[in-house]
Amino acid sequence: MSRTKAINDFCKRCIFDHKAPGTFREQCEACPSGPTSKSPCPLWPYRPITIASIHDNRKIKTLDDIGSEIDYEDITFIEES
């Protein structure tokens, strides 16, 4: 069994309710057993989440972002001979 399947199965047994609103991943994403809860789950950071959340959390750097991080004063330019 893969690690992902084992975590999914654990979360499904722990939190998923067929009668509650939301899909399995939506219910797992709303899991109240995060790091600040009274009884935090060690698998909480690895729980299944929706694809939309994965895309929202992913930060894509653009050329403008990269350009603002470069300190041009520290760059030494070499002239061609």
Foldseek 3Di string as FASTA:
>chain_A
DDPLVVQLVVQCVVFDDPPDDDDSQPRLLVDPQDPPDPHHDPCSVVHRHDPVVVVVPDDDDDPVNVVVPDDVVPDDDDDDD
